[in-house]
Amino acid sequence: MKKAGPSFRKRARALKGCDTCQETGTIKGIFHEMDCYDCGTAGLVDKETGEALPDAEAKLQLRLEIRRLREENNELRRQLLEQAKQDNGRGYGPGGQRYHGD
């Protein structure tokens, strides 16, 4: 099916770390650090082409990645709270043992 016009939703692109700067966005000069010319200081490049993303696209992709990581972090926190609730908060150790400090 052919599609006309831009998509309604922004989608994450496949990215990979920049090989030149090792995902830092800067390279070491003789006396100081300089912006990486291969990735445009983003630290990431397009996975398929290996080219730097335009500034607006790099901002969008980094924002989408931050959102994904926040959602993952919130899910892990929720799982941790669920696990803490199952332990009844009574300080039981491995195997249901209680530590008395003896």
N, C-alpha and C. Protein backbone atom coordinates (compact mmCIF):
# COMPACT_ATOMS: atom_id res chain seq x y z
N MET A 1 0.83 -1.16 0.00
CA MET A 1 0.00 0.00 0.00
C MET A 1 0.89 1.24 0.00
N LYS A 2 0.60 2.15 -0.89
CA LYS A 2 1.36 3.37 -1.00
C LYS A 2 0.84 4.40 -0.01
N LYS A 3 1.72 5.17 0.50
CA LYS A 3 1.38 6.13 1.53
C LYS A 3 1.69 7.53 1.03
N ALA A 4 0.79 8.46 1.28
CA ALA A 4 1.03 9.85 0.88
C ALA A 4 1.18 10.71 2.12
N GLY A 5 2.19 11.54 2.15
CA GLY A 5 2.37 12.46 3.26
C GLY A 5 3.11 11.83 4.43
N PRO A 6 3.41 12.67 5.41
CA PRO A 6 4.15 12.17 6.58
C PRO A 6 3.28 11.30 7.48
N SER A 7 3.92 10.50 8.30
CA SER A 7 3.17 9.66 9.22
C SER A 7 2.60 10.53 10.34
N PHE A 8 1.56 10.03 10.98
CA PHE A 8 0.91 10.79 12.04
C PHE A 8 1.66 10.71 13.36
N ARG A 9 2.46 9.70 13.52
CA ARG A 9 3.21 9.52 14.77
C ARG A 9 4.70 9.47 14.46
N LYS A 10 5.48 10.03 15.36
CA LYS A 10 6.94 9.95 15.23
C LYS A 10 7.38 8.59 15.74
N ARG A 11 8.25 7.95 15.03
CA ARG A 11 8.70 6.62 15.39
C ARG A 11 10.21 6.64 15.65
N ALA A 12 10.61 5.76 16.55
CA ALA A 12 12.03 5.63 16.86
C ALA A 12 12.73 4.95 15.68
N ARG A 13 13.88 5.45 15.33
CA ARG A 13 14.69 4.86 14.26
C ARG A 13 15.72 3.94 14.88
N ALA A 14 16.21 3.04 14.07
CA ALA A 14 17.29 2.16 14.52
C ALA A 14 18.59 2.97 14.53
N LEU A 15 19.18 3.08 15.71
CA LEU A 15 20.41 3.85 15.86
C LEU A 15 21.51 2.96 16.40
N LYS A 16 22.73 3.39 16.19
CA LYS A 16 23.88 2.70 16.78
C LYS A 16 24.86 3.76 17.27
N GLY A 17 25.75 3.35 18.13
CA GLY A 17 26.74 4.27 18.67
C GLY A 17 27.75 4.69 17.62
N CYS A 18 28.21 5.90 17.73
CA CYS A 18 29.21 6.42 16.80
C CYS A 18 30.55 5.75 17.10
N ASP A 19 31.19 5.20 16.07
CA ASP A 19 32.47 4.53 16.24
C ASP A 19 33.62 5.52 16.46
N THR A 20 33.49 6.72 15.92
CA THR A 20 34.56 7.70 16.02
C THR A 20 34.73 8.21 17.45
N CYS A 21 33.61 8.56 18.08
CA CYS A 21 33.69 9.16 19.42
C CYS A 21 33.30 8.19 20.53
N GLN A 22 32.98 6.95 20.20
CA GLN A 22 32.57 5.94 21.19
C GLN A 22 31.36 6.41 22.00
N GLU A 23 30.39 7.03 21.32
CA GLU A 23 29.11 7.48 21.88
C GLU A 23 29.24 8.64 22.87
N THR A 24 30.34 9.38 22.86
CA THR A 24 30.48 10.51 23.77
C THR A 24 30.10 11.83 23.12
N GLY A 25 30.16 11.91 21.80
CA GLY A 25 29.86 13.16 21.11
C GLY A 25 31.04 14.08 20.96
N THR A 26 32.17 13.70 21.56
CA THR A 26 33.38 14.52 21.45
C THR A 26 34.57 13.63 21.13
N ILE A 27 35.55 14.23 20.50
CA ILE A 27 36.80 13.52 20.22
C ILE A 27 37.93 14.33 20.84
N LYS A 28 39.01 13.65 21.18
CA LYS A 28 40.15 14.33 21.81
C LYS A 28 41.03 14.94 20.73
N GLY A 29 41.24 16.22 20.87
CA GLY A 29 42.20 16.90 20.03
C GLY A 29 43.56 16.85 20.70
N ILE A 30 44.50 17.61 20.21
CA ILE A 30 45.82 17.62 20.83
C ILE A 30 45.76 18.31 22.19
N PHE A 31 45.05 19.43 22.26
CA PHE A 31 45.00 20.20 23.49
C PHE A 31 43.64 20.22 24.18
N HIS A 32 42.58 19.91 23.46
CA HIS A 32 41.24 19.99 24.04
C HIS A 32 40.29 19.04 23.31
N GLU A 33 39.11 18.88 23.85
CA GLU A 33 38.10 18.05 23.20
C GLU A 33 37.37 18.87 22.15
N MET A 34 37.01 18.19 21.05
CA MET A 34 36.30 18.85 19.96
C MET A 34 35.02 18.08 19.69
N ASP A 35 34.05 18.75 19.07
CA ASP A 35 32.81 18.08 18.69
C ASP A 35 33.11 17.01 17.65
N CYS A 36 32.43 15.89 17.77
CA CYS A 36 32.60 14.80 16.80
C CYS A 36 31.96 15.19 15.48
N TYR A 37 32.68 15.10 14.41
CA TYR A 37 32.18 15.48 13.10
C TYR A 37 31.35 14.38 12.45
N ASP A 38 31.53 13.13 12.88
CA ASP A 38 30.78 12.03 12.26
C ASP A 38 29.33 11.93 12.73
N CYS A 39 29.08 12.26 14.00
CA CYS A 39 27.72 12.11 14.54
C CYS A 39 27.07 13.45 14.85
N GLY A 40 27.78 14.55 14.69
CA GLY A 40 27.21 15.86 14.99
C GLY A 40 26.98 16.06 16.48
N THR A 41 27.84 15.49 17.32
CA THR A 41 27.83 15.56 18.79
C THR A 41 26.68 14.81 19.45
N ALA A 42 25.93 14.01 18.71
CA ALA A 42 24.84 13.25 19.32
C ALA A 42 25.34 11.95 19.93
N GLY A 43 26.45 11.41 19.44
CA GLY A 43 26.96 10.14 19.93
C GLY A 43 26.30 8.95 19.25
N LEU A 44 25.28 9.21 18.44
CA LEU A 44 24.55 8.16 17.75
C LEU A 44 24.45 8.48 16.26
N VAL A 45 24.43 7.44 15.46
CA VAL A 45 24.25 7.58 14.02
C VAL A 45 23.17 6.61 13.55
N ASP A 46 22.68 6.82 12.34
CA ASP A 46 21.68 5.93 11.77
C ASP A 46 22.29 4.54 11.59
N LYS A 47 21.60 3.51 12.04
CA LYS A 47 22.15 2.16 12.00
C LYS A 47 22.33 1.64 10.58
N GLU A 48 21.40 1.98 9.70
CA GLU A 48 21.46 1.47 8.33
C GLU A 48 22.50 2.19 7.48
N THR A 49 22.52 3.52 7.55
CA THR A 49 23.40 4.28 6.68
C THR A 49 24.71 4.69 7.34
N GLY A 50 24.73 4.78 8.67
CA GLY A 50 25.92 5.22 9.38
C GLY A 50 26.13 6.72 9.33
N GLU A 51 25.12 7.45 8.86
CA GLU A 51 25.24 8.90 8.74
C GLU A 51 24.70 9.59 9.98
N ALA A 52 25.19 10.79 10.23
CA ALA A 52 24.71 11.60 11.35
C ALA A 52 23.27 12.02 11.08
N LEU A 53 22.50 12.15 12.13
CA LEU A 53 21.12 12.60 12.01
C LEU A 53 21.09 14.12 11.99
N PRO A 54 20.15 14.71 11.25
CA PRO A 54 20.00 16.17 11.34
C PRO A 54 19.65 16.55 12.78
N ASP A 55 19.96 17.78 13.18
CA ASP A 55 19.78 18.20 14.57
C ASP A 55 18.36 17.96 15.08
N ALA A 56 17.36 18.33 14.30
CA ALA A 56 15.97 18.16 14.74
C ALA A 56 15.63 16.69 14.91
N GLU A 57 16.10 15.85 14.01
CA GLU A 57 15.83 14.41 14.10
C GLU A 57 16.59 13.79 15.27
N ALA A 58 17.82 14.24 15.52
CA ALA A 58 18.59 13.73 16.66
C ALA A 58 17.90 14.08 17.97
N LYS A 59 17.39 15.29 18.08
CA LYS A 59 16.65 15.69 19.29
C LYS A 59 15.43 14.81 19.49
N LEU A 60 14.70 14.58 18.42
CA LEU A 60 13.50 13.75 18.50
C LEU A 60 13.85 12.33 18.93
N GLN A 61 14.85 11.74 18.31
CA GLN A 61 15.24 10.36 18.62
C GLN A 61 15.74 10.23 20.05
N LEU A 62 16.51 11.20 20.52
CA LEU A 62 17.00 11.16 21.89
C LEU A 62 15.85 11.32 22.88
N ARG A 63 14.89 12.17 22.55
CA ARG A 63 13.71 12.34 23.41
C ARG A 63 12.89 11.06 23.48
N LEU A 64 12.72 10.38 22.34
CA LEU A 64 11.99 9.11 22.32
C LEU A 64 12.72 8.05 23.14
N GLU A 65 14.05 8.05 23.08
CA GLU A 65 14.84 7.09 23.85
C GLU A 65 14.72 7.38 25.35
N ILE A 66 14.73 8.65 25.72
CA ILE A 66 14.56 9.02 27.13
C ILE A 66 13.20 8.57 27.62
N ARG A 67 12.17 8.77 26.83
CA ARG A 67 10.82 8.34 27.21
C ARG A 67 10.76 6.83 27.40
N ARG A 68 11.39 6.08 26.48
CA ARG A 68 11.39 4.62 26.59
C ARG A 68 12.12 4.17 27.87
N LEU A 69 13.25 4.80 28.16
CA LEU A 69 14.00 4.43 29.36
C LEU A 69 13.25 4.80 30.64
N ARG A 70 12.54 5.92 30.63
CA ARG A 70 11.74 6.28 31.80
C ARG A 70 10.62 5.28 32.04
N GLU A 71 9.96 4.86 30.95
CA GLU A 71 8.89 3.87 31.08
C GLU A 71 9.44 2.55 31.61
N GLU A 72 10.60 2.16 31.11
CA GLU A 72 11.24 0.92 31.58
C GLU A 72 11.61 1.05 33.06
N ASN A 73 12.13 2.21 33.46
CA ASN A 73 12.49 2.45 34.85
C ASN A 73 11.26 2.40 35.75
N ASN A 74 10.16 3.01 35.31
CA ASN A 74 8.92 2.99 36.10
C ASN A 74 8.39 1.57 36.24
N GLU A 75 8.49 0.77 35.20
CA GLU A 75 8.04 -0.63 35.27
C GLU A 75 8.90 -1.42 36.25
N LEU A 76 10.21 -1.21 36.24
CA LEU A 76 11.09 -1.90 37.17
C LEU A 76 10.80 -1.48 38.61
N ARG A 77 10.53 -0.20 38.83
CA ARG A 77 10.18 0.26 40.17
C ARG A 77 8.87 -0.37 40.64
N ARG A 78 7.89 -0.47 39.73
CA ARG A 78 6.62 -1.08 40.07
C ARG A 78 6.83 -2.54 40.47
N GLN A 79 7.66 -3.25 39.72
CA GLN A 79 7.95 -4.65 40.03
C GLN A 79 8.65 -4.76 41.38
N LEU A 80 9.55 -3.85 41.68
CA LEU A 80 10.25 -3.87 42.96
C LEU A 80 9.29 -3.62 44.11
N LEU A 81 8.35 -2.69 43.95
CA LEU A 81 7.35 -2.43 44.98
C LEU A 81 6.45 -3.64 45.19
N GLU A 82 6.06 -4.30 44.10
CA GLU A 82 5.24 -5.51 44.20
C GLU A 82 5.98 -6.59 44.98
N GLN A 83 7.25 -6.74 44.70
CA GLN A 83 8.05 -7.74 45.40
C GLN A 83 8.17 -7.39 46.89
N ALA A 84 8.33 -6.12 47.20
CA ALA A 84 8.43 -5.69 48.59
C ALA A 84 7.11 -5.94 49.32
N LYS A 85 5.98 -5.76 48.65
CA LYS A 85 4.68 -6.02 49.26
C LYS A 85 4.51 -7.50 49.57
N GLN A 86 5.03 -8.36 48.71
CA GLN A 86 4.92 -9.80 48.92
C GLN A 86 5.75 -10.25 50.12
N ASP A 87 6.79 -9.51 50.44
CA ASP A 87 7.65 -9.85 51.58
C ASP A 87 7.04 -9.36 52.89
N ASN A 88 5.89 -8.72 52.84
CA ASN A 88 5.17 -8.21 54.00
C ASN A 88 5.92 -7.14 54.77
N GLY A 89 7.07 -6.74 54.32
CA GLY A 89 7.80 -5.68 54.99
C GLY A 89 8.23 -6.04 56.40
N ARG A 90 8.36 -7.31 56.71
CA ARG A 90 8.69 -7.72 58.08
C ARG A 90 10.17 -8.02 58.27
N GLY A 91 10.97 -7.79 57.28
CA GLY A 91 12.40 -7.98 57.44
C GLY A 91 12.86 -9.42 57.33
N TYR A 92 12.08 -10.25 56.70
CA TYR A 92 12.49 -11.63 56.54
C TYR A 92 13.60 -11.72 55.51
N GLY A 93 14.56 -12.57 55.79
CA GLY A 93 15.69 -12.75 54.90
C GLY A 93 15.47 -13.93 53.97
N PRO A 94 16.54 -14.45 53.39
CA PRO A 94 16.44 -15.58 52.48
C PRO A 94 15.85 -16.80 53.17
N GLY A 95 14.94 -17.45 52.53
CA GLY A 95 14.32 -18.65 53.08
C GLY A 95 13.38 -18.36 54.22
N GLY A 96 12.94 -17.12 54.38
CA GLY A 96 12.02 -16.77 55.45
C GLY A 96 12.68 -16.60 56.81
N GLN A 97 14.00 -16.58 56.86
CA GLN A 97 14.70 -16.44 58.13
C GLN A 97 14.61 -15.00 58.61
N ARG A 98 14.71 -14.84 59.91
CA ARG A 98 14.72 -13.52 60.50
C ARG A 98 16.08 -13.29 61.15
N TYR A 99 16.64 -12.13 60.87
CA TYR A 99 17.95 -11.77 61.43
C TYR A 99 17.72 -11.07 62.77
N HIS A 100 18.31 -11.56 63.85
CA HIS A 100 18.13 -10.96 65.15
C HIS A 100 19.34 -10.17 65.63
N GLY A 101 20.40 -10.20 64.88
CA GLY A 101 21.59 -9.43 65.24
C GLY A 101 22.46 -10.14 66.27
N ASP A 102 22.25 -11.41 66.47
CA ASP A 102 23.04 -12.16 67.46
C ASP A 102 24.38 -12.55 66.89
